[in-house]
Protein backbone atom coordinates (compact mmCIF):
# COMPACT_ATOMS: atom_id res chain seq x y z
CA MET A 1 1.50 -9.31 28.96
CA SER A 2 3.34 -6.81 26.88
CA ASN A 3 2.91 -3.44 25.57
CA ARG A 4 5.02 -3.95 22.52
CA THR A 5 5.86 -6.84 20.22
CA ILE A 6 8.41 -9.10 21.76
CA GLY A 7 11.79 -9.99 20.10
CA LEU A 8 12.50 -13.50 18.99
CA SER A 9 15.43 -15.22 20.20
CA ASP A 10 16.63 -18.29 18.15
CA ALA A 11 15.03 -20.48 21.06
CA LEU A 12 11.77 -18.77 20.90
CA TYR A 13 11.53 -18.79 17.04
CA LEU A 14 12.21 -22.49 17.11
CA TYR A 15 9.29 -22.90 19.68
CA LEU A 16 7.21 -20.79 17.43
CA VAL A 17 7.83 -22.85 14.39
CA GLU A 18 7.48 -26.09 16.34
CA HIS A 19 4.12 -25.11 18.04
CA SER A 20 2.27 -23.45 15.17
CA VAL A 21 3.68 -24.44 11.84
CA ARG A 22 1.92 -27.27 9.95
CA GLU A 23 4.13 -27.41 6.86
CA PRO A 24 3.09 -29.94 4.30
CA GLU A 25 5.97 -32.32 3.25
CA LEU A 26 5.86 -31.07 -0.34
CA LEU A 27 6.45 -27.57 0.91
CA ARG A 28 9.35 -28.62 3.22
CA ARG A 29 10.90 -30.33 0.30
CA LEU A 30 10.61 -27.29 -1.92
CA ARG A 31 11.98 -25.14 0.82
CA GLU A 32 15.06 -27.29 1.37
CA GLU A 33 15.73 -27.43 -2.41
CA THR A 34 15.58 -23.70 -2.63
CA LYS A 35 17.97 -23.52 0.38
CA GLN A 36 20.62 -24.95 -1.95
CA LEU A 37 20.45 -21.92 -3.98
CA THR A 38 22.99 -20.42 -1.79
CA GLU A 39 23.30 -16.95 -3.57
CA TRP A 40 19.71 -16.54 -3.82
CA SER A 41 18.21 -18.54 -0.95
CA GLY A 42 17.50 -15.55 1.16
CA MET A 43 14.53 -14.68 -1.35
CA GLN A 44 12.62 -17.68 0.13
CA ILE A 45 9.90 -16.73 2.56
CA ALA A 46 9.65 -18.43 5.99
CA PRO A 47 7.31 -21.40 6.53
CA GLU A 48 5.27 -19.47 9.20
CA GLN A 49 4.75 -16.66 6.71
CA GLY A 50 3.64 -18.99 4.01
CA GLN A 51 1.08 -20.48 6.38
CA PHE A 52 0.07 -17.16 7.59
CA MET A 53 -0.67 -15.92 4.06
CA GLY A 54 -2.69 -19.06 3.26
CA LEU A 55 -4.83 -18.36 6.17
CA LEU A 56 -5.43 -14.76 5.04
CA ALA A 57 -6.34 -15.94 1.72
CA GLN A 58 -8.86 -18.22 3.20
CA LEU A 59 -10.28 -15.48 5.46
CA VAL A 60 -11.05 -13.21 2.56
CA GLY A 61 -12.62 -15.94 0.65
CA THR A 62 -10.22 -16.01 -1.99
CA ARG A 63 -11.14 -17.31 -5.51
CA ARG A 64 -8.69 -15.21 -7.59
CA ALA A 65 -5.19 -14.51 -6.36
CA LEU A 66 -2.26 -12.54 -7.80
CA GLU A 67 1.39 -12.87 -7.04
CA VAL A 68 4.15 -10.58 -8.18
CA GLY A 69 7.43 -12.27 -7.75
CA THR A 70 7.24 -16.06 -7.71
CA PHE A 71 10.79 -17.40 -7.51
CA THR A 72 10.68 -20.94 -6.76
CA GLY A 73 7.04 -21.06 -5.98
CA TYR A 74 6.78 -21.53 -2.19
CA SER A 75 4.45 -18.62 -1.57
CA SER A 76 2.20 -19.39 -4.27
CA LEU A 77 1.93 -22.98 -3.52
CA ALA A 78 1.40 -22.23 0.14
CA VAL A 79 -1.60 -20.00 -0.81
CA MET A 80 -3.00 -22.43 -3.33
CA LEU A 81 -2.91 -25.34 -1.02
CA ALA A 82 -4.94 -23.29 1.46
CA LEU A 83 -7.77 -22.57 -1.23
CA PRO A 84 -10.35 -24.52 -2.71
CA GLN A 85 -10.50 -26.28 -5.99
CA ASP A 86 -12.16 -23.34 -7.93
CA ALA A 87 -9.55 -20.96 -6.92
CA ARG A 88 -7.10 -19.51 -9.51
CA MET A 89 -3.83 -17.54 -9.32
CA VAL A 90 -1.90 -15.32 -11.83
CA CYS A 91 1.92 -15.39 -11.13
CA CYS A 92 4.28 -12.79 -12.47
CA ASP A 93 8.02 -13.42 -12.87
CA VAL A 94 10.91 -12.96 -15.19
CA SER A 95 12.94 -15.98 -14.42
CA GLU A 96 12.41 -19.18 -16.39
CA GLU A 97 15.23 -20.85 -14.44
CA PHE A 98 13.77 -20.26 -10.93
CA THR A 99 10.04 -20.77 -11.94
CA ARG A 100 10.87 -24.19 -13.56
CA THR A 101 11.32 -25.30 -10.02
CA ALA A 102 7.92 -23.77 -9.21
CA ARG A 103 6.23 -25.46 -12.08
CA ARG A 104 7.52 -28.86 -10.98
CA TYR A 105 6.19 -28.55 -7.45
CA TRP A 106 2.94 -27.01 -8.67
CA ALA A 107 2.41 -30.19 -10.86
CA GLU A 108 3.28 -32.43 -8.05
CA ALA A 109 0.75 -30.69 -5.84
CA GLY A 110 -1.93 -30.91 -8.59
CA VAL A 111 -2.51 -27.06 -8.82
CA ALA A 112 -0.48 -26.45 -12.14
CA ASP A 113 -3.57 -26.15 -14.08
CA ARG A 114 -4.99 -23.41 -11.90
CA ILE A 115 -1.94 -21.19 -11.88
CA ASP A 116 -1.29 -18.87 -14.92
CA LEU A 117 2.40 -18.11 -14.93
CA GLN A 118 3.34 -14.97 -16.83
CA LEU A 119 7.07 -14.70 -17.64
CA ARG A 120 7.57 -10.92 -18.50
CA PRO A 121 7.85 -7.76 -16.54
CA ALA A 122 4.99 -7.57 -14.01
CA ILE A 123 4.04 -4.27 -14.76
CA GLN A 124 3.14 -5.51 -18.40
CA THR A 125 1.21 -8.41 -16.79
CA LEU A 126 -0.69 -6.13 -14.54
CA ASP A 127 -1.53 -3.50 -17.07
CA SER A 128 -2.64 -6.20 -19.54
CA LEU A 129 -5.05 -7.55 -16.78
CA ILE A 130 -6.28 -4.06 -16.24
CA ALA A 131 -6.87 -3.55 -19.97
CA ALA A 132 -8.78 -6.75 -20.38
CA GLY A 133 -11.24 -5.78 -17.82
CA ALA A 134 -9.89 -7.64 -14.71
CA ALA A 135 -10.15 -4.51 -12.45
CA GLY A 136 -11.87 -5.42 -9.22
CA SER A 137 -12.02 -9.13 -9.85
CA PHE A 138 -9.08 -10.33 -7.49
CA ASP A 139 -9.32 -11.12 -3.80
CA PHE A 140 -5.79 -11.46 -2.67
CA ALA A 141 -2.46 -10.19 -3.91
CA PHE A 142 1.06 -10.78 -2.70
CA ILE A 143 3.96 -8.45 -3.72
CA ASP A 144 7.48 -9.80 -3.35
CA ALA A 145 9.67 -8.63 -6.34
CA ASP A 146 12.02 -5.82 -7.16
CA LYS A 147 11.76 -3.19 -4.65
CA GLU A 148 12.15 -0.18 -7.02
CA ASN A 149 8.90 -1.05 -8.64
CA TYR A 150 7.02 -1.77 -5.53
CA ASP A 151 4.76 1.37 -5.85
CA GLY A 152 3.87 0.48 -9.40
CA TYR A 153 2.92 -3.04 -8.25
CA TYR A 154 0.94 -1.73 -5.27
CA GLU A 155 -1.12 0.75 -7.20
CA ARG A 156 -1.93 -1.81 -9.84
CA ALA A 157 -2.94 -4.33 -7.35
CA LEU A 158 -5.30 -2.00 -5.67
CA VAL A 159 -6.99 -1.60 -9.20
CA LEU A 160 -7.39 -5.27 -9.70
CA LEU A 161 -8.58 -6.09 -6.18
CA ARG A 162 -12.28 -6.00 -5.34
CA PRO A 163 -13.39 -3.95 -2.26
CA GLY A 164 -12.57 -5.84 0.73
CA GLY A 165 -9.70 -7.46 -1.10
CA LEU A 166 -6.18 -7.87 0.59
CA VAL A 167 -2.85 -7.01 -0.66
CA ALA A 168 0.32 -8.26 1.27
CA VAL A 169 3.55 -6.55 0.63
CA ASP A 170 6.78 -8.46 1.63
CA ASN A 171 10.12 -7.12 2.88
CA VAL A 172 8.90 -3.86 4.34
CA LEU A 173 11.17 -3.96 7.19
CA TRP A 174 14.15 -4.82 4.83
CA SER A 175 16.30 -6.47 7.64
CA GLY A 176 16.00 -3.37 9.72
CA ALA A 177 17.68 -1.13 7.11
CA VAL A 178 14.45 1.17 6.85
CA ALA A 179 15.06 2.25 10.34
CA ASP A 180 18.71 3.08 9.71
CA PRO A 181 19.00 6.79 8.60
CA GLU A 182 22.58 6.08 7.27
CA ASP A 183 21.23 3.71 4.69
CA LYS A 184 20.49 5.53 1.59
CA ASN A 185 20.44 2.72 -0.75
CA SER A 186 17.88 2.97 -3.71
CA THR A 187 16.14 -0.19 -2.76
CA THR A 188 15.87 0.79 0.91
CA GLU A 189 14.57 4.21 -0.03
CA ALA A 190 12.08 2.74 -2.36
CA ILE A 191 10.66 0.48 0.61
CA ARG A 192 10.56 3.64 2.95
CA ARG A 193 8.57 5.61 0.29
CA LEU A 194 6.01 2.87 -0.10
CA ASN A 195 5.83 2.42 3.76
CA ARG A 196 5.15 6.16 4.14
CA LYS A 197 2.58 6.15 1.28
CA ILE A 198 0.55 3.19 2.65
CA LEU A 199 0.56 4.67 6.19
CA ARG A 200 -1.25 7.69 4.58
CA ASP A 201 -3.34 5.93 2.05
CA LYS A 202 -7.00 6.30 2.92
CA ARG A 203 -8.01 3.92 0.36
CA VAL A 204 -7.06 0.89 2.71
CA ALA A 205 -6.98 -0.32 6.26
CA ILE A 206 -3.40 -1.47 7.15
CA SER A 207 -1.27 -3.42 9.43
CA LEU A 208 2.44 -3.93 9.39
CA VAL A 209 3.13 -7.60 10.85
CA PRO A 210 6.57 -8.17 12.00
CA ILE A 211 6.70 -11.72 10.28
CA GLY A 212 9.40 -12.72 8.20
CA ASP A 213 11.10 -9.61 6.78
CA GLY A 214 8.05 -7.42 7.62
CA LEU A 215 4.72 -7.90 5.85
CA THR A 216 2.33 -5.08 5.25
CA LEU A 217 -1.37 -5.98 4.98
CA ALA A 218 -3.61 -3.59 3.16
CA ARG A 219 -7.34 -4.15 2.85
CA LYS A 220 -9.08 -2.30 -0.01
CA LEU A 221 -11.85 -0.27 1.39
CA PRO A 222 -15.30 0.02 -0.07
């Protein structure tokens, strides 16, 4: 037993992956290909996080999902592979280059026709969805994009989620930087502000899960 979350040594992390992750071959190939993007590979979520989010999306009965920050498509594909055939997803990104890889893997998985990729600033896409009457129609949202806009993404995601819907916010521990008082970087400060805000937000039930780089789960209350 333990009265706090245990740390993960390399050996224990390997045990966790080997004894819990059921990563499909397609996702493994996508992850390995993304790893070759040396400068950007750190933007890739871990396989255990992808599996966890797929399970969460299943648990809330997701039929409509939203993703802010798609990169090469691992997180969107992990979620879509966990959902039934009638599920749909809207993905927001600004990179034609990275999402070209995502489109290729979505097509191979047979989910491309169920994913609406919007290549423009995510705030514009989210505002357009709200203006079109989509408020309260999404079940699950994942936010993993530019941190300075996290608050705007979070607020719009809450509008778009139905009561009982779930938003997952990535990188909330920021490699430990959020706990370093000497780190005054604007990105770190933006994450700290959102962490404080969500802690006090009575519109949601929350849990910050120490998976990957930290994942905050916020369930929209009725």
